[in-house]
Amino acid sequence: MELILTAEEQELLFGILEQRHRELQKEISHTDHREFKLALRKNEKLLESILSRLRGALIQELRG
């Protein structure tokens, strides 16, 4: 899947994802239920992967 965003849309999406990542980390630290915590950690890893790829795309766009 390819998604084409304007620079403004990319910045907004990146900011929203970073904010959710911070919230997710807090939620993980406050969760005691083991299975729920594992599910949150899985989501955190997926979100980190998306953020990493988006960050790379933003850097390439700035250079190019």
PDB file of N, CA and C in Angstrom:
ATOM      1  N   MET A   1       0.838  -1.169   0.000  1.00  0.00           N
ATOM      2  CA  MET A   1       0.000   0.000   0.000  1.00  0.00           C
ATOM      3  C   MET A   1       0.886   1.237   0.000  1.00  0.00           C
ATOM      4  N   GLU A   2       0.516   2.195  -0.801  1.00  0.00           N
ATOM      5  CA  GLU A   2       1.247   3.452  -0.841  1.00  0.00           C
ATOM      6  C   GLU A   2       0.287   4.577  -0.499  1.00  0.00           C
ATOM      7  N   LEU A   3       0.733   5.447   0.373  1.00  0.00           N
ATOM      8  CA  LEU A   3      -0.078   6.574   0.815  1.00  0.00           C
ATOM      9  C   LEU A   3       0.726   7.837   0.558  1.00  0.00           C
ATOM     10  N   ILE A   4       0.176   8.737  -0.213  1.00  0.00           N
ATOM     11  CA  ILE A   4       0.872   9.981  -0.524  1.00  0.00           C
ATOM     12  C   ILE A   4       0.260  11.097   0.304  1.00  0.00           C
ATOM     13  N   LEU A   5       1.120  11.757   1.076  1.00  0.00           N
ATOM     14  CA  LEU A   5       0.686  12.833   1.961  1.00  0.00           C
ATOM     15  C   LEU A   5       1.469  14.096   1.655  1.00  0.00           C
ATOM     16  N   THR A   6       0.843  15.235   1.890  1.00  0.00           N
ATOM     17  CA  THR A   6       1.565  16.492   1.792  1.00  0.00           C
ATOM     18  C   THR A   6       2.513  16.588   2.987  1.00  0.00           C
ATOM     19  N   ALA A   7       3.449  17.518   2.928  1.00  0.00           N
ATOM     20  CA  ALA A   7       4.385  17.706   4.040  1.00  0.00           C
ATOM     21  C   ALA A   7       3.626  18.032   5.322  1.00  0.00           C
ATOM     22  N   GLU A   8       2.603  18.864   5.208  1.00  0.00           N
ATOM     23  CA  GLU A   8       1.802  19.236   6.379  1.00  0.00           C
ATOM     24  C   GLU A   8       1.073  18.025   6.962  1.00  0.00           C
ATOM     25  N   GLU A   9       0.531  17.187   6.094  1.00  0.00           N
ATOM     26  CA  GLU A   9      -0.157  15.978   6.551  1.00  0.00           C
ATOM     27  C   GLU A   9       0.817  15.008   7.206  1.00  0.00           C
ATOM     28  N   GLN A  10       2.020  14.900   6.654  1.00  0.00           N
ATOM     29  CA  GLN A  10       3.035  14.021   7.227  1.00  0.00           C
ATOM     30  C   GLN A  10       3.412  14.474   8.633  1.00  0.00           C
ATOM     31  N   GLU A  11       3.619  15.758   8.793  1.00  0.00           N
ATOM     32  CA  GLU A  11       3.983  16.293  10.106  1.00  0.00           C
ATOM     33  C   GLU A  11       2.873  16.057  11.122  1.00  0.00           C
ATOM     34  N   LEU A  12       1.634  16.274  10.705  1.00  0.00           N
ATOM     35  CA  LEU A  12       0.496  16.049  11.599  1.00  0.00           C
ATOM     36  C   LEU A  12       0.408  14.581  11.998  1.00  0.00           C
ATOM     37  N   LEU A  13       0.488  13.699  11.031  1.00  0.00           N
ATOM     38  CA  LEU A  13       0.409  12.267  11.308  1.00  0.00           C
ATOM     39  C   LEU A  13       1.545  11.824  12.223  1.00  0.00           C
ATOM     40  N   PHE A  14       2.743  12.295  11.956  1.00  0.00           N
ATOM     41  CA  PHE A  14       3.893  11.943  12.781  1.00  0.00           C
ATOM     42  C   PHE A  14       3.679  12.413  14.220  1.00  0.00           C
ATOM     43  N   GLY A  15       3.192  13.628  14.389  1.00  0.00           N
ATOM     44  CA  GLY A  15       2.935  14.157  15.729  1.00  0.00           C
ATOM     45  C   GLY A  15       1.881  13.350  16.474  1.00  0.00           C
ATOM     46  N   ILE A  16       0.824  12.981  15.778  1.00  0.00           N
ATOM     47  CA  ILE A  16      -0.241  12.181  16.396  1.00  0.00           C
ATOM     48  C   ILE A  16       0.295  10.813  16.815  1.00  0.00           C
ATOM     49  N   LEU A  17       1.083  10.201  15.952  1.00  0.00           N
ATOM     50  CA  LEU A  17       1.634   8.883  16.265  1.00  0.00           C
ATOM     51  C   LEU A  17       2.632   8.951  17.418  1.00  0.00           C
ATOM     52  N   GLU A  18       3.448   9.993  17.458  1.00  0.00           N
ATOM     53  CA  GLU A  18       4.375  10.150  18.581  1.00  0.00           C
ATOM     54  C   GLU A  18       3.625  10.334  19.893  1.00  0.00           C
ATOM     55  N   GLN A  19       2.568  11.127  19.868  1.00  0.00           N
ATOM     56  CA  GLN A  19       1.769  11.342  21.073  1.00  0.00           C
ATOM     57  C   GLN A  19       1.145  10.032  21.539  1.00  0.00           C
ATOM     58  N   ARG A  20       0.595   9.270  20.607  1.00  0.00           N
ATOM     59  CA  ARG A  20      -0.011   7.984  20.968  1.00  0.00           C
ATOM     60  C   ARG A  20       1.036   7.035  21.524  1.00  0.00           C
ATOM     61  N   HIS A  21       2.253   7.090  20.970  1.00  0.00           N
ATOM     62  CA  HIS A  21       3.329   6.234  21.459  1.00  0.00           C
ATOM     63  C   HIS A  21       3.647   6.551  22.920  1.00  0.00           C
ATOM     64  N   ARG A  22       3.723   7.828  23.246  1.00  0.00           N
ATOM     65  CA  ARG A  22       3.986   8.223  24.642  1.00  0.00           C
ATOM     66  C   ARG A  22       2.856   7.755  25.562  1.00  0.00           C
ATOM     67  N   GLU A  23       1.619   7.906  25.098  1.00  0.00           N
ATOM     68  CA  GLU A  23       0.467   7.477  25.893  1.00  0.00           C
ATOM     69  C   GLU A  23       0.484   5.966  26.089  1.00  0.00           C
ATOM     70  N   LEU A  24       0.843   5.252  25.048  1.00  0.00           N
ATOM     71  CA  LEU A  24       0.897   3.795  25.110  1.00  0.00           C
ATOM     72  C   LEU A  24       1.959   3.332  26.108  1.00  0.00           C
ATOM     73  N   GLN A  25       3.101   4.006  26.137  1.00  0.00           N
ATOM     74  CA  GLN A  25       4.150   3.657  27.096  1.00  0.00           C
ATOM     75  C   GLN A  25       3.663   3.855  28.530  1.00  0.00           C
ATOM     76  N   LYS A  26       2.943   4.931  28.787  1.00  0.00           N
ATOM     77  CA  LYS A  26       2.382   5.159  30.124  1.00  0.00           C
ATOM     78  C   LYS A  26       1.362   4.084  30.466  1.00  0.00           C
ATOM     79  N   GLU A  27       0.525   3.753  29.491  1.00  0.00           N
ATOM     80  CA  GLU A  27      -0.503   2.740  29.713  1.00  0.00           C
ATOM     81  C   GLU A  27       0.135   1.392  30.041  1.00  0.00           C
ATOM     82  N   ILE A  28       1.207   1.051  29.338  1.00  0.00           N
ATOM     83  CA  ILE A  28       1.909  -0.206  29.597  1.00  0.00           C
ATOM     84  C   ILE A  28       2.465  -0.219  31.024  1.00  0.00           C
ATOM     85  N   SER A  29       3.051   0.891  31.437  1.00  0.00           N
ATOM     86  CA  SER A  29       3.660   0.921  32.768  1.00  0.00           C
ATOM     87  C   SER A  29       2.631   0.855  33.891  1.00  0.00           C
ATOM     88  N   HIS A  30       1.403   1.233  33.612  1.00  0.00           N
ATOM     89  CA  HIS A  30       0.360   1.214  34.643  1.00  0.00           C
ATOM     90  C   HIS A  30      -0.538  -0.021  34.585  1.00  0.00           C
ATOM     91  N   THR A  31      -0.249  -0.924  33.658  1.00  0.00           N
ATOM     92  CA  THR A  31      -1.078  -2.106  33.485  1.00  0.00           C
ATOM     93  C   THR A  31      -0.492  -3.292  34.235  1.00  0.00           C
ATOM     94  N   ASP A  32      -1.326  -3.964  35.003  1.00  0.00           N
ATOM     95  CA  ASP A  32      -0.890  -5.130  35.756  1.00  0.00           C
ATOM     96  C   ASP A  32      -1.294  -6.449  35.098  1.00  0.00           C
ATOM     97  N   HIS A  33      -2.358  -6.421  34.323  1.00  0.00           N
ATOM     98  CA  HIS A  33      -2.854  -7.637  33.687  1.00  0.00           C
ATOM     99  C   HIS A  33      -1.876  -8.086  32.599  1.00  0.00           C
ATOM    100  N   ARG A  34      -1.304  -9.253  32.786  1.00  0.00           N
ATOM    101  CA  ARG A  34      -0.221  -9.741  31.930  1.00  0.00           C
ATOM    102  C   ARG A  34      -0.592  -9.800  30.454  1.00  0.00           C
ATOM    103  N   GLU A  35      -1.721 -10.403  30.127  1.00  0.00           N
ATOM    104  CA  GLU A  35      -2.087 -10.569  28.714  1.00  0.00           C
ATOM    105  C   GLU A  35      -2.395  -9.235  28.050  1.00  0.00           C
ATOM    106  N   PHE A  36      -3.027  -8.333  28.798  1.00  0.00           N
ATOM    107  CA  PHE A  36      -3.315  -7.011  28.252  1.00  0.00           C
ATOM    108  C   PHE A  36      -2.014  -6.250  28.013  1.00  0.00           C
ATOM    109  N   LYS A  37      -1.069  -6.391  28.933  1.00  0.00           N
ATOM    110  CA  LYS A  37       0.230  -5.727  28.797  1.00  0.00           C
ATOM    111  C   LYS A  37       0.973  -6.260  27.574  1.00  0.00           C
ATOM    112  N   LEU A  38       0.907  -7.562  27.339  1.00  0.00           N
ATOM    113  CA  LEU A  38       1.545  -8.154  26.161  1.00  0.00           C
ATOM    114  C   LEU A  38       0.931  -7.606  24.872  1.00  0.00           C
ATOM    115  N   ALA A  39      -0.374  -7.455  24.852  1.00  0.00           N
ATOM    116  CA  ALA A  39      -1.053  -6.903  23.681  1.00  0.00           C
ATOM    117  C   ALA A  39      -0.644  -5.446  23.460  1.00  0.00           C
ATOM    118  N   LEU A  40      -0.538  -4.694  24.542  1.00  0.00           N
ATOM    119  CA  LEU A  40      -0.108  -3.297  24.427  1.00  0.00           C
ATOM    120  C   LEU A  40       1.322  -3.219  23.907  1.00  0.00           C
ATOM    121  N   ARG A  41       2.183  -4.100  24.384  1.00  0.00           N
ATOM    122  CA  ARG A  41       3.577  -4.105  23.926  1.00  0.00           C
ATOM    123  C   ARG A  41       3.668  -4.454  22.440  1.00  0.00           C
ATOM    124  N   LYS A  42       2.826  -5.370  21.999  1.00  0.00           N
ATOM    125  CA  LYS A  42       2.791  -5.717  20.573  1.00  0.00           C
ATOM    126  C   LYS A  42       2.406  -4.482  19.760  1.00  0.00           C
ATOM    127  N   ASN A  43       1.379  -3.767  20.221  1.00  0.00           N
ATOM    128  CA  ASN A  43       0.964  -2.545  19.539  1.00  0.00           C
ATOM    129  C   ASN A  43       2.064  -1.496  19.561  1.00  0.00           C
ATOM    130  N   GLU A  44       2.784  -1.419  20.669  1.00  0.00           N
ATOM    131  CA  GLU A  44       3.881  -0.467  20.779  1.00  0.00           C
ATOM    132  C   GLU A  44       4.954  -0.772  19.740  1.00  0.00           C
ATOM    133  N   LYS A  45       5.305  -2.029  19.558  1.00  0.00           N
ATOM    134  CA  LYS A  45       6.318  -2.403  18.571  1.00  0.00           C
ATOM    135  C   LYS A  45       5.859  -2.063  17.159  1.00  0.00           C
ATOM    136  N   LEU A  46       4.594  -2.310  16.861  1.00  0.00           N
ATOM    137  CA  LEU A  46       4.059  -1.958  15.548  1.00  0.00           C
ATOM    138  C   LEU A  46       4.111  -0.448  15.333  1.00  0.00           C
ATOM    139  N   LEU A  47       3.737   0.292  16.334  1.00  0.00           N
ATOM    140  CA  LEU A  47       3.744   1.746  16.250  1.00  0.00           C
ATOM    141  C   LEU A  47       5.177   2.269  16.084  1.00  0.00           C
ATOM    142  N   GLU A  48       6.120   1.685  16.804  1.00  0.00           N
ATOM    143  CA  GLU A  48       7.519   2.086  16.661  1.00  0.00           C
ATOM    144  C   GLU A  48       8.016   1.823  15.242  1.00  0.00           C
ATOM    145  N   SER A  49       7.592   0.724  14.639  1.00  0.00           N
ATOM    146  CA  SER A  49       7.988   0.409  13.270  1.00  0.00           C
ATOM    147  C   SER A  49       7.426   1.446  12.294  1.00  0.00           C
ATOM    148  N   ILE A  50       6.175   1.798  12.477  1.00  0.00           N
ATOM    149  CA  ILE A  50       5.550   2.806  11.613  1.00  0.00           C
ATOM    150  C   ILE A  50       6.252   4.149  11.770  1.00  0.00           C
ATOM    151  N   LEU A  51       6.511   4.540  13.018  1.00  0.00           N
ATOM    152  CA  LEU A  51       7.195   5.813  13.274  1.00  0.00           C
ATOM    153  C   LEU A  51       8.586   5.832  12.645  1.00  0.00           C
ATOM    154  N   SER A  52       9.291   4.736  12.733  1.00  0.00           N
ATOM    155  CA  SER A  52      10.626   4.653  12.160  1.00  0.00           C
ATOM    156  C   SER A  52      10.583   4.834  10.642  1.00  0.00           C
ATOM    157  N   ARG A  53       9.652   4.157   9.994  1.00  0.00           N
ATOM    158  CA  ARG A  53       9.538   4.272   8.539  1.00  0.00           C
ATOM    159  C   ARG A  53       9.097   5.671   8.124  1.00  0.00           C
ATOM    160  N   LEU A  54       8.178   6.246   8.869  1.00  0.00           N
ATOM    161  CA  LEU A  54       7.707   7.598   8.567  1.00  0.00           C
ATOM    162  C   LEU A  54       8.840   8.600   8.788  1.00  0.00           C
ATOM    163  N   ARG A  55       9.599   8.428   9.855  1.00  0.00           N
ATOM    164  CA  ARG A  55      10.737   9.306  10.130  1.00  0.00           C
ATOM    165  C   ARG A  55      11.737   9.224   8.976  1.00  0.00           C
ATOM    166  N   GLY A  56      12.014   8.028   8.506  1.00  0.00           N
ATOM    167  CA  GLY A  56      12.933   7.837   7.376  1.00  0.00           C
ATOM    168  C   GLY A  56      12.426   8.513   6.120  1.00  0.00           C
ATOM    169  N   ALA A  57      11.129   8.405   5.870  1.00  0.00           N
ATOM    170  CA  ALA A  57      10.541   9.039   4.689  1.00  0.00           C
ATOM    171  C   ALA A  57      10.626  10.558   4.796  1.00  0.00           C
ATOM    172  N   LEU A  58      10.391  11.092   5.995  1.00  0.00           N
ATOM    173  CA  LEU A  58      10.472  12.536   6.195  1.00  0.00           C
ATOM    174  C   LEU A  58      11.895  13.034   5.979  1.00  0.00           C
ATOM    175  N   ILE A  59      12.893  12.285   6.447  1.00  0.00           N
ATOM    176  CA  ILE A  59      14.302  12.672   6.279  1.00  0.00           C
ATOM    177  C   ILE A  59      14.674  12.640   4.805  1.00  0.00           C
ATOM    178  N   GLN A  60      14.255  11.598   4.105  1.00  0.00           N
ATOM    179  CA  GLN A  60      14.557  11.502   2.673  1.00  0.00           C
ATOM    180  C   GLN A  60      13.925  12.658   1.910  1.00  0.00           C
ATOM    181  N   GLU A  61      12.716  13.015   2.268  1.00  0.00           N
ATOM    182  CA  GLU A  61      12.034  14.104   1.582  1.00  0.00           C
ATOM    183  C   GLU A  61      12.750  15.430   1.816  1.00  0.00           C
ATOM    184  N   LEU A  62      13.259  15.641   3.022  1.00  0.00           N
ATOM    185  CA  LEU A  62      13.989  16.864   3.313  1.00  0.00           C
ATOM    186  C   LEU A  62      15.286  16.947   2.533  1.00  0.00           C
ATOM    187  N   ARG A  63      15.928  15.806   2.329  1.00  0.00           N
ATOM    188  CA  ARG A  63      17.192  15.757   1.589  1.00  0.00           C
ATOM    189  C   ARG A  63      16.987  15.876   0.093  1.00  0.00           C
ATOM    190  N   GLY A  64      15.843  15.351  -0.366  1.00  0.00           N
ATOM    191  CA  GLY A  64      15.637  15.242  -1.807  1.00  0.00           C
ATOM    192  C   GLY A  64      14.977  16.389  -2.407  1.00  0.00           C
TER     193      GLY A  64
END
